[in-house]
C-alpha atoms as a PDB file:
ATOM      1  CA  MET A   1     -72.321 -18.242  24.831  1.00  0.00           C
ATOM      2  CA  ASP A   2     -72.622 -17.611  28.745  1.00  0.00           C
ATOM      3  CA  PRO A   3     -75.670 -15.337  29.204  1.00  0.00           C
ATOM      4  CA  ASN A   4     -73.401 -13.404  31.909  1.00  0.00           C
ATOM      5  CA  VAL A   5     -70.886 -12.656  29.415  1.00  0.00           C
ATOM      6  CA  ASN A   6     -73.655 -11.264  27.120  1.00  0.00           C
ATOM      7  CA  LYS A   7     -75.162  -9.068  30.092  1.00  0.00           C
ATOM      8  CA  ASP A   8     -71.482  -7.715  30.818  1.00  0.00           C
ATOM      9  CA  ILE A   9     -71.066  -6.863  26.973  1.00  0.00           C
ATOM     10  CA  GLN A  10     -74.321  -5.145  26.919  1.00  0.00           C
ATOM     11  CA  LYS A  11     -73.318  -3.161  30.204  1.00  0.00           C
ATOM     12  CA  ILE A  12     -70.170  -2.198  28.539  1.00  0.00           C
ATOM     13  CA  ILE A  13     -71.846  -0.988  25.248  1.00  0.00           C
ATOM     14  CA  ALA A  14     -74.285   0.919  27.395  1.00  0.00           C
ATOM     15  CA  LYS A  15     -71.512   2.859  28.889  1.00  0.00           C
ATOM     16  CA  LYS A  16     -70.173   4.564  25.975  1.00  0.00           C
ATOM     17  CA  SER A  17     -67.182   6.008  27.775  1.00  0.00           C
ATOM     18  CA  ILE A  18     -65.791   2.818  28.807  1.00  0.00           C
ATOM     19  CA  LEU A  19     -66.401   1.476  25.135  1.00  0.00           C
ATOM     20  CA  LEU A  20     -64.339   4.566  23.975  1.00  0.00           C
ATOM     21  CA  VAL A  21     -61.455   4.131  26.434  1.00  0.00           C
ATOM     22  CA  ILE A  22     -61.232   0.550  25.265  1.00  0.00           C
ATOM     23  CA  VAL A  23     -61.420   1.473  21.485  1.00  0.00           C
ATOM     24  CA  VAL A  24     -58.507   4.434  22.222  1.00  0.00           C
ATOM     25  CA  LEU A  25     -56.458   1.829  24.080  1.00  0.00           C
ATOM     26  CA  GLY A  26     -56.603  -0.442  21.324  1.00  0.00           C
ATOM     27  CA  ILE A  27     -55.852   2.071  18.836  1.00  0.00           C
ATOM     28  CA  ALA A  28     -52.784   3.249  20.873  1.00  0.00           C
ATOM     29  CA  LEU A  29     -51.724  -0.420  21.284  1.00  0.00           C
ATOM     30  CA  ILE A  30     -51.917  -1.188  17.650  1.00  0.00           C
ATOM     31  CA  SER A  31     -50.041   2.254  16.807  1.00  0.00           C
ATOM     32  CA  GLY A  32     -47.328   1.547  19.449  1.00  0.00           C
ATOM     33  CA  VAL A  33     -46.692  -1.930  17.947  1.00  0.00           C
ATOM     34  CA  SER A  34     -46.620  -0.388  14.570  1.00  0.00           C
ATOM     35  CA  LEU A  35     -44.045   2.526  15.652  1.00  0.00           C
ATOM     36  CA  PHE A  36     -41.932  -0.147  17.472  1.00  0.00           C
ATOM     37  CA  GLY A  37     -41.671  -2.109  14.447  1.00  0.00           C
ATOM     38  CA  LYS A  38     -40.627   1.035  12.322  1.00  0.00           C
ATOM     39  CA  PHE A  39     -38.352   2.188  15.026  1.00  0.00           C
ATOM     40  CA  SER A  40     -36.493  -1.353  15.389  1.00  0.00           C
ATOM     41  CA  SER A  41     -35.984  -1.775  11.307  1.00  0.00           C
ATOM     42  CA  GLN A  42     -34.882   2.121  11.674  1.00  0.00           C
ATOM     43  CA  MET A  43     -32.567   1.051  14.548  1.00  0.00           C
ATOM     44  CA  ALA A  44     -31.102  -2.142  12.259  1.00  0.00           C
ATOM     45  CA  ASN A  45     -30.370   0.250   9.560  1.00  0.00           C
ATOM     46  CA  TYR A  46     -28.475   2.573  11.898  1.00  0.00           C
ATOM     47  CA  GLN A  47     -26.587  -0.149  13.265  1.00  0.00           C
ATOM     48  CA  ASN A  48     -25.642  -1.428   9.679  1.00  0.00           C
ATOM     49  CA  LEU A  49     -24.342   2.034   8.901  1.00  0.00           C
ATOM     50  CA  ILE A  50     -22.411   2.390  12.065  1.00  0.00           C
ATOM     51  CA  LYS A  51     -21.032  -1.156  11.488  1.00  0.00           C
ATOM     52  CA  GLN A  52     -19.818   0.130   7.709  1.00  0.00           C
ATOM     53  CA  LYS A  53     -18.373   3.405   9.093  1.00  0.00           C
ATOM     54  CA  LEU A  54     -16.276   1.512  11.837  1.00  0.00           C
ATOM     55  CA  GLU A  55     -15.018  -0.976   9.116  1.00  0.00           C
ATOM     56  CA  LYS A  56     -14.224   2.331   6.863  1.00  0.00           C
ATOM     57  CA  ILE A  57     -12.386   3.782   9.996  1.00  0.00           C
ATOM     58  CA  ASP A  58     -10.248   0.615  10.379  1.00  0.00           C
ATOM     59  CA  VAL A  59      -9.373   0.766   6.487  1.00  0.00           C
ATOM     60  CA  ILE A  60      -8.395   4.330   6.865  1.00  0.00           C
ATOM     61  CA  ALA A  61      -6.297   3.595  10.042  1.00  0.00           C
ATOM     62  CA  SER A  62      -4.889   0.469   8.427  1.00  0.00           C
ATOM     63  CA  TYR A  63      -3.904   2.832   5.446  1.00  0.00           C
ATOM     64  CA  GLU A  64      -2.328   5.538   7.858  1.00  0.00           C
ATOM     65  CA  ALA A  65      -0.306   2.709   9.427  1.00  0.00           C
ATOM     66  CA  SER A  66       1.173   1.299   6.257  1.00  0.00           C
ATOM     67  CA  LYS A  67       1.836   4.709   4.949  1.00  0.00           C
ATOM     68  CA  GLU A  68       3.644   5.743   7.971  1.00  0.00           C
ATOM     69  CA  LYS A  69       5.823   2.516   7.596  1.00  0.00           C
ATOM     70  CA  VAL A  70       6.481   3.098   3.688  1.00  0.00           C
ATOM     71  CA  ASP A  71       7.422   6.714   4.595  1.00  0.00           C
ATOM     72  CA  LYS A  72       9.747   5.271   7.487  1.00  0.00           C
ATOM     73  CA  PHE A  73      11.092   3.098   4.931  1.00  0.00           C
ATOM     74  CA  LYS A  74      11.764   5.419   2.468  1.00  0.00           C
ATOM     75  CA  SER A  75      13.575   7.846   4.806  1.00  0.00           C
ATOM     76  CA  SER A  76      16.006   4.829   5.900  1.00  0.00           C
ATOM     77  CA  LEU A  77      17.225   4.480   2.215  1.00  0.00           C
ATOM     78  CA  ALA A  78      20.165   6.645   0.932  1.00  0.00           C
ATOM     79  CA  LYS A  79      19.271   9.613  -0.472  1.00  0.00           C
ATOM     80  CA  PRO A  80      19.359   9.444  -4.369  1.00  0.00           C
ATOM     81  CA  LEU A  81      22.663  10.680  -5.892  1.00  0.00           C
ATOM     82  CA  THR A  82      22.790  13.154  -8.967  1.00  0.00           C
ATOM     83  CA  GLN A  83      24.008  11.470 -12.088  1.00  0.00           C
ATOM     84  CA  ASP A  84      27.659  12.745 -11.540  1.00  0.00           C
ATOM     85  CA  SER A  85      27.545  11.607  -8.006  1.00  0.00           C
ATOM     86  CA  LEU A  86      26.803   8.202  -9.376  1.00  0.00           C
ATOM     87  CA  PHE A  87      29.555   8.250 -11.792  1.00  0.00           C
ATOM     88  CA  ASN A  88      31.986   9.306  -9.176  1.00  0.00           C
ATOM     89  CA  LYS A  89      30.615   6.345  -6.984  1.00  0.00           C
ATOM     90  CA  LEU A  90      31.083   3.854  -9.797  1.00  0.00           C
ATOM     91  CA  ALA A  91      34.553   5.228 -10.298  1.00  0.00           C
ATOM     92  CA  ASP A  92      35.038   4.724  -6.351  1.00  0.00           C
ATOM     93  CA  PHE A  93      34.202   1.328  -6.693  1.00  0.00           C
ATOM     94  CA  ALA A  94      36.241   0.698  -9.506  1.00  0.00           C
ATOM     95  CA  ASN A  95      39.452   1.956  -7.726  1.00  0.00           C
ATOM     96  CA  GLN A  96      38.455  -0.053  -4.929  1.00  0.00           C
ATOM     97  CA  ASN A  97      38.747  -3.361  -6.862  1.00  0.00           C
ATOM     98  CA  ASN A  98      41.658  -2.665  -9.358  1.00  0.00           C
ATOM     99  CA  ILE A  99      39.407  -2.221 -12.090  1.00  0.00           C
ATOM    100  CA  SER A 100      40.046   0.407 -15.084  1.00  0.00           C
ATOM    101  CA  ILE A 101      37.154   2.302 -16.536  1.00  0.00           C
ATOM    102  CA  ILE A 102      37.649   2.581 -20.323  1.00  0.00           C
ATOM    103  CA  ASN A 103      34.206   4.066 -20.938  1.00  0.00           C
ATOM    104  CA  LEU A 104      31.258   5.343 -18.823  1.00  0.00           C
ATOM    105  CA  SER A 105      28.181   7.012 -20.080  1.00  0.00           C
ATOM    106  CA  PRO A 106      24.542   7.491 -19.287  1.00  0.00           C
ATOM    107  CA  GLY A 107      21.993   5.280 -21.069  1.00  0.00           C
ATOM    108  CA  GLN A 108      18.299   5.423 -20.709  1.00  0.00           C
ATOM    109  CA  GLN A 109      16.377   7.214 -18.088  1.00  0.00           C
ATOM    110  CA  THR A 110      12.615   6.237 -17.022  1.00  0.00           C
ATOM    111  CA  ASP A 111      10.557   8.348 -14.570  1.00  0.00           C
ATOM    112  CA  HIS A 112       7.715   6.996 -12.689  1.00  0.00           C
ATOM    113  CA  GLU A 113       5.170   8.303 -10.069  1.00  0.00           C
ATOM    114  CA  ASP A 114       7.262   6.830  -7.029  1.00  0.00           C
ATOM    115  CA  TYR A 115      10.672   6.135  -8.478  1.00  0.00           C
ATOM    116  CA  GLY A 116      13.055   6.989 -11.627  1.00  0.00           C
ATOM    117  CA  SER A 117      15.908   4.653 -12.609  1.00  0.00           C
ATOM    118  CA  THR A 118      19.035   5.450 -14.770  1.00  0.00           C
ATOM    119  CA  SER A 119      21.033   2.998 -16.587  1.00  0.00           C
ATOM    120  CA  PHE A 120      24.762   3.373 -17.231  1.00  0.00           C
ATOM    121  CA  LEU A 121      26.686   1.846 -19.842  1.00  0.00           C
ATOM    122  CA  MET A 122      30.426   0.940 -18.894  1.00  0.00           C
ATOM    123  CA  THR A 123      33.489  -0.682 -20.567  1.00  0.00           C
ATOM    124  CA  ILE A 124      36.065  -1.843 -18.166  1.00  0.00           C
ATOM    125  CA  LYS A 125      39.287  -3.744 -17.951  1.00  0.00           C
ATOM    126  CA  ALA A 126      39.953  -6.114 -15.063  1.00  0.00           C
ATOM    127  CA  ALA A 127      43.300  -8.000 -14.511  1.00  0.00           C
ATOM    128  CA  ASN A 128      41.160 -11.059 -13.242  1.00  0.00           C
ATOM    129  CA  PHE A 129      37.882 -12.549 -12.593  1.00  0.00           C
ATOM    130  CA  LYS A 130      37.829 -11.980  -8.765  1.00  0.00           C
ATOM    131  CA  ASP A 131      38.416  -8.089  -9.158  1.00  0.00           C
ATOM    132  CA  LEU A 132      35.392  -8.344 -11.588  1.00  0.00           C
ATOM    133  CA  VAL A 133      33.196 -10.120  -9.177  1.00  0.00           C
ATOM    134  CA  SER A 134      34.285  -7.881  -6.365  1.00  0.00           C
ATOM    135  CA  PHE A 135      33.388  -4.893  -8.330  1.00  0.00           C
ATOM    136  CA  PHE A 136      29.988  -6.333  -9.284  1.00  0.00           C
ATOM    137  CA  TYR A 137      29.495  -7.084  -5.542  1.00  0.00           C
ATOM    138  CA  SER A 138      30.463  -3.409  -4.573  1.00  0.00           C
ATOM    139  CA  ILE A 139      27.821  -2.124  -7.145  1.00  0.00           C
ATOM    140  CA  GLU A 140      24.821  -4.623  -5.898  1.00  0.00           C
ATOM    141  CA  SER A 141      25.596  -4.105  -2.069  1.00  0.00           C
ATOM    142  CA  SER A 142      25.922  -0.287  -2.074  1.00  0.00           C
ATOM    143  CA  PRO A 143      23.105   1.585  -0.372  1.00  0.00           C
ATOM    144  CA  TYR A 144      22.304   3.379  -3.530  1.00  0.00           C
ATOM    145  CA  ALA A 145      19.792   0.750  -5.082  1.00  0.00           C
ATOM    146  CA  MET A 146      22.192  -0.061  -7.994  1.00  0.00           C
ATOM    147  CA  LYS A 147      22.251  -3.402  -9.909  1.00  0.00           C
ATOM    148  CA  VAL A 148      24.080  -4.879 -12.594  1.00  0.00           C
ATOM    149  CA  GLN A 149      21.526  -5.368 -15.424  1.00  0.00           C
ATOM    150  CA  SER A 150      23.745  -7.247 -17.990  1.00  0.00           C
ATOM    151  CA  TRP A 151      27.416  -7.806 -18.648  1.00  0.00           C
ATOM    152  CA  SER A 152      29.636  -9.520 -21.147  1.00  0.00           C
ATOM    153  CA  THR A 153      33.400 -10.140 -21.133  1.00  0.00           C
ATOM    154  CA  LYS A 154      36.049 -10.867 -23.492  1.00  0.00           C
ATOM    155  CA  LEU A 155      39.645 -12.048 -22.812  1.00  0.00           C
ATOM    156  CA  ASP A 156      42.426  -9.673 -24.463  1.00  0.00           C
ATOM    157  CA  ASN A 157      44.874 -12.158 -25.486  1.00  0.00           C
ATOM    158  CA  SER A 158      47.542  -9.670 -26.185  1.00  0.00           C
ATOM    159  CA  THR A 159      47.698  -8.302 -22.331  1.00  0.00           C
ATOM    160  CA  ASP A 160      45.602 -11.042 -20.434  1.00  0.00           C
ATOM    161  CA  PHE A 161      43.169  -8.365 -19.066  1.00  0.00           C
ATOM    162  CA  ILE A 162      39.300  -9.355 -19.030  1.00  0.00           C
ATOM    163  CA  ASN A 163      37.492  -6.680 -21.002  1.00  0.00           C
ATOM    164  CA  CYS A 164      33.780  -6.267 -19.943  1.00  0.00           C
ATOM    165  CA  ASP A 165      30.807  -4.406 -21.141  1.00  0.00           C
ATOM    166  CA  ILE A 166      28.225  -3.563 -18.308  1.00  0.00           C
ATOM    167  CA  ASP A 167      24.893  -2.035 -17.934  1.00  0.00           C
ATOM    168  CA  ILE A 168      24.101  -0.935 -14.675  1.00  0.00           C
ATOM    169  CA  VAL A 169      20.547   0.457 -13.287  1.00  0.00           C
ATOM    170  CA  ALA A 170      20.425   2.773 -10.660  1.00  0.00           C
ATOM    171  CA  VAL A 171      16.944   3.578  -9.095  1.00  0.00           C
ATOM    172  CA  GLN A 172      16.060   6.647  -7.165  1.00  0.00           C
ATOM    173  CA  ILE A 173      13.045   6.378  -4.788  1.00  0.00           C
ATOM    174  CA  LYS A 174      11.122   9.636  -4.675  1.00  0.00           C
END
């Protein structure tokens, strides 16, 4: 080692106040680096938390927008009819399409959280197949969410009328 450096070190050691300042500055520097490391890791944790919260906010906003669209869709649907009103509506469709109703009775009812359904069993008489198909079309194209679940026909040879048994399901959105 250079003898001048040794003399400088010995002068510093001789002046204890300078040595104390250097030691304190060293400790402060090490503490600062340590605290900065902890602070930066905490900052990264907080940034991750903020990112997660923002993602949750986006999900909530998306849910609310979807719920608004569903509510708007539900409000655009025709209001559900009572069972008597549905009977009357089916009778109207039958009259419009030259169909004679022989029998109309309620079938099975189901109730779910968002909707309910009711089936109707009908026996009808039609003069021709065109009237029968028009009747089915009237039911299924109505704004009341009805559909022909099943049907079977039989030709009455004595009158040339078509007898038909129909199972109709009506869905009511809640």
